[in-house]
PDB file of N, CA and C in Angstrom:
ATOM      1  N   UNK A   1     -78.087  41.710  47.971  1.00  0.00           N
ATOM      2  CA  UNK A   1     -77.841  43.259  48.482  1.00  0.00           C
ATOM      3  C   UNK A   1     -78.639  43.804  49.280  1.00  0.00           C
ATOM      4  N   UNK A   2     -76.860  44.792  49.999  1.00  0.00           N
ATOM      5  CA  UNK A   2     -77.159  45.427  51.241  1.00  0.00           C
ATOM      6  C   UNK A   2     -78.210  46.345  50.938  1.00  0.00           C
ATOM      7  N   UNK A   3     -78.660  46.846  52.082  1.00  0.00           N
ATOM      8  CA  UNK A   3     -79.551  48.214  51.960  1.00  0.00           C
ATOM      9  C   UNK A   3     -78.720  48.775  53.040  1.00  0.00           C
ATOM     10  N   UNK A   4     -78.075  49.832  52.261  1.00  0.00           N
ATOM     11  CA  UNK A   4     -77.547  50.622  52.974  1.00  0.00           C
ATOM     12  C   UNK A   4     -77.986  52.396  53.241  1.00  0.00           C
ATOM     13  N   UNK A   5     -79.232  52.350  52.874  1.00  0.00           N
ATOM     14  CA  UNK A   5     -80.136  53.789  53.380  1.00  0.00           C
ATOM     15  C   UNK A   5     -80.102  54.276  54.788  1.00  0.00           C
ATOM     16  N   UNK A   6     -79.769  52.987  55.687  1.00  0.00           N
ATOM     17  CA  UNK A   6     -79.735  53.466  57.209  1.00  0.00           C
ATOM     18  C   UNK A   6     -81.146  53.303  57.526  1.00  0.00           C
ATOM     19  N   UNK A   7     -82.381  53.092  56.989  1.00  0.00           N
ATOM     20  CA  UNK A   7     -83.554  52.747  57.141  1.00  0.00           C
ATOM     21  C   UNK A   7     -83.533  51.111  57.591  1.00  0.00           C
ATOM     22  N   UNK A   8     -83.176  50.732  58.893  1.00  0.00           N
ATOM     23  CA  UNK A   8     -83.099  49.427  59.234  1.00  0.00           C
ATOM     24  C   UNK A   8     -84.399  48.981  60.046  1.00  0.00           C
ATOM     25  N   UNK A   9     -85.463  50.172  60.520  1.00  0.00           N
ATOM     26  CA  UNK A   9     -86.301  49.831  61.574  1.00  0.00           C
ATOM     27  C   UNK A   9     -85.836  49.625  62.894  1.00  0.00           C
ATOM     28  N   UNK A  10     -86.512  49.265  63.821  1.00  0.00           N
ATOM     29  CA  UNK A  10     -86.237  49.999  65.372  1.00  0.00           C
ATOM     30  C   UNK A  10     -85.612  48.618  65.974  1.00  0.00           C
ATOM     31  N   UNK A  11     -84.531  48.293  66.444  1.00  0.00           N
ATOM     32  CA  UNK A  11     -83.940  47.168  66.973  1.00  0.00           C
ATOM     33  C   UNK A  11     -83.514  47.939  68.455  1.00  0.00           C
ATOM     34  N   UNK A  12     -84.307  47.265  69.501  1.00  0.00           N
ATOM     35  CA  UNK A  12     -83.678  48.206  70.465  1.00  0.00           C
ATOM     36  C   UNK A  12     -82.741  46.907  71.213  1.00  0.00           C
ATOM     37  N   UNK A  13     -82.225  47.928  71.972  1.00  0.00           N
ATOM     38  CA  UNK A  13     -80.628  47.329  72.346  1.00  0.00           C
ATOM     39  C   UNK A  13     -80.819  46.528  73.860  1.00  0.00           C
ATOM     40  N   UNK A  14     -80.769  45.035  73.961  1.00  0.00           N
ATOM     41  CA  UNK A  14     -80.630  44.032  75.135  1.00  0.00           C
ATOM     42  C   UNK A  14     -79.518  44.281  75.575  1.00  0.00           C
ATOM     43  N   UNK A  15     -78.910  44.501  76.841  1.00  0.00           N
ATOM     44  CA  UNK A  15     -77.852  44.193  77.665  1.00  0.00           C
ATOM     45  C   UNK A  15     -78.010  42.721  78.330  1.00  0.00           C
ATOM     46  N   UNK A  16     -78.028  41.780  77.940  1.00  0.00           N
ATOM     47  CA  UNK A  16     -78.143  40.077  78.389  1.00  0.00           C
ATOM     48  C   UNK A  16     -76.994  39.105  78.115  1.00  0.00           C
ATOM     49  N   UNK A  17     -76.219  38.319  79.121  1.00  0.00           N
ATOM     50  CA  UNK A  17     -75.615  38.016  78.771  1.00  0.00           C
ATOM     51  C   UNK A  17     -76.500  36.719  79.439  1.00  0.00           C
ATOM     52  N   UNK A  18     -75.313  35.139  79.365  1.00  0.00           N
ATOM     53  CA  UNK A  18     -75.879  34.254  79.738  1.00  0.00           C
ATOM     54  C   UNK A  18     -74.230  33.753  80.778  1.00  0.00           C
ATOM     55  N   UNK A  19     -74.741  33.357  81.954  1.00  0.00           N
ATOM     56  CA  UNK A  19     -73.611  32.923  82.988  1.00  0.00           C
ATOM     57  C   UNK A  19     -73.643  31.580  82.811  1.00  0.00           C
ATOM     58  N   UNK A  20     -72.211  30.669  83.752  1.00  0.00           N
ATOM     59  CA  UNK A  20     -72.102  29.174  82.938  1.00  0.00           C
ATOM     60  C   UNK A  20     -73.088  28.074  83.258  1.00  0.00           C
ATOM     61  N   UNK A  21     -74.359  28.486  83.952  1.00  0.00           N
ATOM     62  CA  UNK A  21     -75.452  27.649  83.593  1.00  0.00           C
ATOM     63  C   UNK A  21     -76.395  27.854  82.274  1.00  0.00           C
ATOM     64  N   UNK A  22     -76.150  29.175  81.775  1.00  0.00           N
ATOM     65  CA  UNK A  22     -77.165  29.372  80.806  1.00  0.00           C
ATOM     66  C   UNK A  22     -78.248  30.093  81.442  1.00  0.00           C
ATOM     67  N   UNK A  23     -78.267  30.681  82.689  1.00  0.00           N
ATOM     68  CA  UNK A  23     -79.063  31.754  83.000  1.00  0.00           C
ATOM     69  C   UNK A  23     -78.999  33.198  82.782  1.00  0.00           C
ATOM     70  N   UNK A  24     -79.847  33.823  81.990  1.00  0.00           N
ATOM     71  CA  UNK A  24     -79.648  35.258  81.716  1.00  0.00           C
ATOM     72  C   UNK A  24     -79.735  35.904  82.905  1.00  0.00           C
ATOM     73  N   UNK A  25     -78.530  37.089  82.558  1.00  0.00           N
ATOM     74  CA  UNK A  25     -78.089  37.677  83.346  1.00  0.00           C
ATOM     75  C   UNK A  25     -78.452  39.442  83.238  1.00  0.00           C
ATOM     76  N   UNK A  26     -78.928  40.010  83.790  1.00  0.00           N
ATOM     77  CA  UNK A  26     -79.440  41.194  83.237  1.00  0.00           C
ATOM     78  C   UNK A  26     -78.467  42.397  83.523  1.00  0.00           C
ATOM     79  N   UNK A  27     -78.275  42.787  84.721  1.00  0.00           N
ATOM     80  CA  UNK A  27     -78.166  43.836  85.738  1.00  0.00           C
ATOM     81  C   UNK A  27     -76.820  44.029  85.165  1.00  0.00           C
ATOM     82  N   UNK A  28     -76.373  45.156  85.586  1.00  0.00           N
ATOM     83  CA  UNK A  28     -75.135  45.894  85.181  1.00  0.00           C
ATOM     84  C   UNK A  28     -74.004  45.269  85.214  1.00  0.00           C
ATOM     85  N   UNK A  29     -74.148  45.471  86.648  1.00  0.00           N
ATOM     86  CA  UNK A  29     -73.021  44.788  87.988  1.00  0.00           C
ATOM     87  C   UNK A  29     -72.508  43.468  87.652  1.00  0.00           C
ATOM     88  N   UNK A  30     -73.677  42.693  87.378  1.00  0.00           N
ATOM     89  CA  UNK A  30     -73.515  40.900  86.978  1.00  0.00           C
ATOM     90  C   UNK A  30     -72.749  40.640  85.808  1.00  0.00           C
ATOM     91  N   UNK A  31     -73.283  41.618  84.666  1.00  0.00           N
ATOM     92  CA  UNK A  31     -72.667  41.272  83.111  1.00  0.00           C
ATOM     93  C   UNK A  31     -71.632  41.507  83.397  1.00  0.00           C
ATOM     94  N   UNK A  32     -70.790  42.999  84.051  1.00  0.00           N
ATOM     95  CA  UNK A  32     -69.664  43.008  84.192  1.00  0.00           C
ATOM     96  C   UNK A  32     -68.733  42.156  84.765  1.00  0.00           C
ATOM     97  N   UNK A  33     -69.304  41.610  85.809  1.00  0.00           N
ATOM     98  CA  UNK A  33     -68.195  40.564  86.377  1.00  0.00           C
ATOM     99  C   UNK A  33     -68.557  38.961  85.905  1.00  0.00           C
ATOM    100  N   UNK A  34     -69.474  38.771  84.982  1.00  0.00           N
ATOM    101  CA  UNK A  34     -69.869  37.574  84.060  1.00  0.00           C
ATOM    102  C   UNK A  34     -68.245  37.865  83.029  1.00  0.00           C
ATOM    103  N   UNK A  35     -68.075  39.133  82.495  1.00  0.00           N
ATOM    104  CA  UNK A  35     -67.448  39.248  81.293  1.00  0.00           C
ATOM    105  C   UNK A  35     -66.166  39.244  81.700  1.00  0.00           C
ATOM    106  N   UNK A  36     -66.009  39.649  82.981  1.00  0.00           N
ATOM    107  CA  UNK A  36     -64.602  39.279  83.785  1.00  0.00           C
ATOM    108  C   UNK A  36     -64.135  38.195  84.112  1.00  0.00           C
ATOM    109  N   UNK A  37     -64.931  37.401  84.758  1.00  0.00           N
ATOM    110  CA  UNK A  37     -64.074  35.788  84.822  1.00  0.00           C
ATOM    111  C   UNK A  37     -64.154  35.113  83.336  1.00  0.00           C
ATOM    112  N   UNK A  38     -65.029  35.272  82.270  1.00  0.00           N
ATOM    113  CA  UNK A  38     -65.249  34.734  80.962  1.00  0.00           C
ATOM    114  C   UNK A  38     -63.557  34.956  80.317  1.00  0.00           C
ATOM    115  N   UNK A  39     -63.295  36.267  80.584  1.00  0.00           N
ATOM    116  CA  UNK A  39     -62.012  36.811  80.030  1.00  0.00           C
ATOM    117  C   UNK A  39     -60.561  36.052  81.055  1.00  0.00           C
ATOM    118  N   UNK A  40     -61.131  36.123  82.226  1.00  0.00           N
ATOM    119  CA  UNK A  40     -60.031  35.963  83.094  1.00  0.00           C
ATOM    120  C   UNK A  40     -60.127  34.141  82.762  1.00  0.00           C
ATOM    121  N   UNK A  41     -60.819  33.380  82.573  1.00  0.00           N
ATOM    122  CA  UNK A  41     -60.643  32.177  82.491  1.00  0.00           C
ATOM    123  C   UNK A  41     -60.002  31.955  80.798  1.00  0.00           C
ATOM    124  N   UNK A  42     -60.678  32.780  80.065  1.00  0.00           N
ATOM    125  CA  UNK A  42     -59.855  32.623  78.595  1.00  0.00           C
ATOM    126  C   UNK A  42     -58.646  32.797  78.409  1.00  0.00           C
ATOM    127  N   UNK A  43     -58.229  33.958  79.188  1.00  0.00           N
ATOM    128  CA  UNK A  43     -56.597  34.068  79.259  1.00  0.00           C
ATOM    129  C   UNK A  43     -55.619  33.748  80.000  1.00  0.00           C
ATOM    130  N   UNK A  44     -56.101  32.650  81.314  1.00  0.00           N
ATOM    131  CA  UNK A  44     -55.498  32.074  82.155  1.00  0.00           C
ATOM    132  C   UNK A  44     -55.337  30.644  81.760  1.00  0.00           C
ATOM    133  N   UNK A  45     -53.804  30.592  81.169  1.00  0.00           N
ATOM    134  CA  UNK A  45     -53.125  29.163  80.708  1.00  0.00           C
ATOM    135  C   UNK A  45     -53.115  28.062  82.092  1.00  0.00           C
ATOM    136  N   UNK A  46     -53.796  26.985  81.812  1.00  0.00           N
ATOM    137  CA  UNK A  46     -53.745  26.036  82.828  1.00  0.00           C
ATOM    138  C   UNK A  46     -52.569  24.998  82.450  1.00  0.00           C
ATOM    139  N   UNK A  47     -52.025  24.604  83.716  1.00  0.00           N
ATOM    140  CA  UNK A  47     -51.272  23.496  83.609  1.00  0.00           C
ATOM    141  C   UNK A  47     -49.526  23.744  83.110  1.00  0.00           C
ATOM    142  N   UNK A  48     -49.392  25.135  82.560  1.00  0.00           N
ATOM    143  CA  UNK A  48     -47.853  25.069  82.095  1.00  0.00           C
ATOM    144  C   UNK A  48     -47.003  26.070  83.417  1.00  0.00           C
ATOM    145  N   UNK A  49     -46.307  25.725  83.794  1.00  0.00           N
ATOM    146  CA  UNK A  49     -45.698  26.460  84.981  1.00  0.00           C
ATOM    147  C   UNK A  49     -44.705  27.384  84.095  1.00  0.00           C
ATOM    148  N   UNK A  50     -44.419  26.955  83.338  1.00  0.00           N
ATOM    149  CA  UNK A  50     -43.036  27.642  82.185  1.00  0.00           C
ATOM    150  C   UNK A  50     -43.727  27.876  80.745  1.00  0.00           C
ATOM    151  N   UNK A  51     -43.395  28.732  80.418  1.00  0.00           N
ATOM    152  CA  UNK A  51     -44.038  29.101  78.660  1.00  0.00           C
ATOM    153  C   UNK A  51     -42.684  28.370  78.044  1.00  0.00           C
ATOM    154  N   UNK A  52     -41.286  28.218  78.677  1.00  0.00           N
ATOM    155  CA  UNK A  52     -40.725  27.334  77.689  1.00  0.00           C
ATOM    156  C   UNK A  52     -40.888  26.079  77.759  1.00  0.00           C
ATOM    157  N   UNK A  53     -41.445  25.273  78.724  1.00  0.00           N
ATOM    158  CA  UNK A  53     -41.547  24.097  79.057  1.00  0.00           C
ATOM    159  C   UNK A  53     -42.828  23.610  77.502  1.00  0.00           C
ATOM    160  N   UNK A  54     -43.453  24.335  77.046  1.00  0.00           N
ATOM    161  CA  UNK A  54     -44.209  24.273  75.961  1.00  0.00           C
ATOM    162  C   UNK A  54     -43.307  23.892  74.776  1.00  0.00           C
ATOM    163  N   UNK A  55     -44.328  22.697  74.490  1.00  0.00           N
ATOM    164  CA  UNK A  55     -43.700  22.114  72.821  1.00  0.00           C
ATOM    165  C   UNK A  55     -44.428  23.070  72.006  1.00  0.00           C
ATOM    166  N   UNK A  56     -43.043  23.893  70.776  1.00  0.00           N
ATOM    167  CA  UNK A  56     -43.719  24.609  69.758  1.00  0.00           C
ATOM    168  C   UNK A  56     -43.681  23.746  68.563  1.00  0.00           C
ATOM    169  N   UNK A  57     -44.637  23.869  67.621  1.00  0.00           N
ATOM    170  CA  UNK A  57     -44.762  23.088  66.432  1.00  0.00           C
ATOM    171  C   UNK A  57     -44.691  24.072  65.091  1.00  0.00           C
ATOM    172  N   UNK A  58     -44.040  23.892  64.641  1.00  0.00           N
ATOM    173  CA  UNK A  58     -44.082  25.245  63.135  1.00  0.00           C
ATOM    174  C   UNK A  58     -44.063  24.343  62.086  1.00  0.00           C
ATOM    175  N   UNK A  59     -44.430  24.881  60.685  1.00  0.00           N
ATOM    176  CA  UNK A  59     -44.179  24.286  59.971  1.00  0.00           C
ATOM    177  C   UNK A  59     -43.166  24.713  59.146  1.00  0.00           C
ATOM    178  N   UNK A  60     -42.135  25.332  59.382  1.00  0.00           N
ATOM    179  CA  UNK A  60     -40.716  25.651  59.433  1.00  0.00           C
ATOM    180  C   UNK A  60     -39.722  24.948  59.635  1.00  0.00           C
ATOM    181  N   UNK A  61     -38.683  24.464  58.520  1.00  0.00           N
ATOM    182  CA  UNK A  61     -37.623  23.698  59.175  1.00  0.00           C
ATOM    183  C   UNK A  61     -36.640  24.572  60.151  1.00  0.00           C
ATOM    184  N   UNK A  62     -36.450  24.042  61.037  1.00  0.00           N
ATOM    185  CA  UNK A  62     -34.992  24.492  61.934  1.00  0.00           C
ATOM    186  C   UNK A  62     -34.126  25.043  60.887  1.00  0.00           C
ATOM    187  N   UNK A  63     -33.371  25.788  61.019  1.00  0.00           N
ATOM    188  CA  UNK A  63     -31.792  26.177  60.292  1.00  0.00           C
ATOM    189  C   UNK A  63     -30.954  26.348  61.086  1.00  0.00           C
ATOM    190  N   UNK A  64     -29.684  25.976  60.588  1.00  0.00           N
ATOM    191  CA  UNK A  64     -28.613  26.087  61.186  1.00  0.00           C
ATOM    192  C   UNK A  64     -27.927  27.207  61.094  1.00  0.00           C
ATOM    193  N   UNK A  65     -27.638  27.235  62.539  1.00  0.00           N
ATOM    194  CA  UNK A  65     -26.838  28.895  62.631  1.00  0.00           C
ATOM    195  C   UNK A  65     -25.757  29.381  61.354  1.00  0.00           C
ATOM    196  N   UNK A  66     -25.925  30.196  60.895  1.00  0.00           N
ATOM    197  CA  UNK A  66     -24.783  30.683  59.643  1.00  0.00           C
ATOM    198  C   UNK A  66     -23.728  30.222  59.966  1.00  0.00           C
ATOM    199  N   UNK A  67     -22.426  30.071  58.968  1.00  0.00           N
ATOM    200  CA  UNK A  67     -21.096  30.205  59.125  1.00  0.00           C
ATOM    201  C   UNK A  67     -20.381  30.950  58.979  1.00  0.00           C
ATOM    202  N   UNK A  68     -19.053  31.125  59.419  1.00  0.00           N
ATOM    203  CA  UNK A  68     -18.188  32.548  59.608  1.00  0.00           C
ATOM    204  C   UNK A  68     -18.166  32.984  57.899  1.00  0.00           C
ATOM    205  N   UNK A  69     -18.054  31.634  57.160  1.00  0.00           N
ATOM    206  CA  UNK A  69     -17.762  32.105  55.558  1.00  0.00           C
ATOM    207  C   UNK A  69     -19.133  32.854  55.134  1.00  0.00           C
ATOM    208  N   UNK A  70     -20.608  32.342  55.853  1.00  0.00           N
ATOM    209  CA  UNK A  70     -21.844  32.515  55.070  1.00  0.00           C
ATOM    210  C   UNK A  70     -22.220  34.155  55.537  1.00  0.00           C
ATOM    211  N   UNK A  71     -21.687  34.472  56.607  1.00  0.00           N
ATOM    212  CA  UNK A  71     -21.558  36.058  57.457  1.00  0.00           C
ATOM    213  C   UNK A  71     -20.962  36.815  56.686  1.00  0.00           C
ATOM    214  N   UNK A  72     -19.526  36.590  56.509  1.00  0.00           N
ATOM    215  CA  UNK A  72     -18.685  37.636  55.903  1.00  0.00           C
ATOM    216  C   UNK A  72     -18.582  37.783  54.440  1.00  0.00           C
TER     217      UNK A  72
END
């Protein structure tokens, strides 16, 4: 069961992240630069020139367009 009384003791806040080599980064500007680089790498798609060139896999079968009879 969880203690919801709010008295969970003192937990000092640490502002550190690890760089690409695993070293701790502690200064504010370097931490921001590391997060910026991390998300830039995460959100950059490598090797795809056009999204339309990617192959899409779905669990649904492709349905034919409805006929004029079905629409009317």
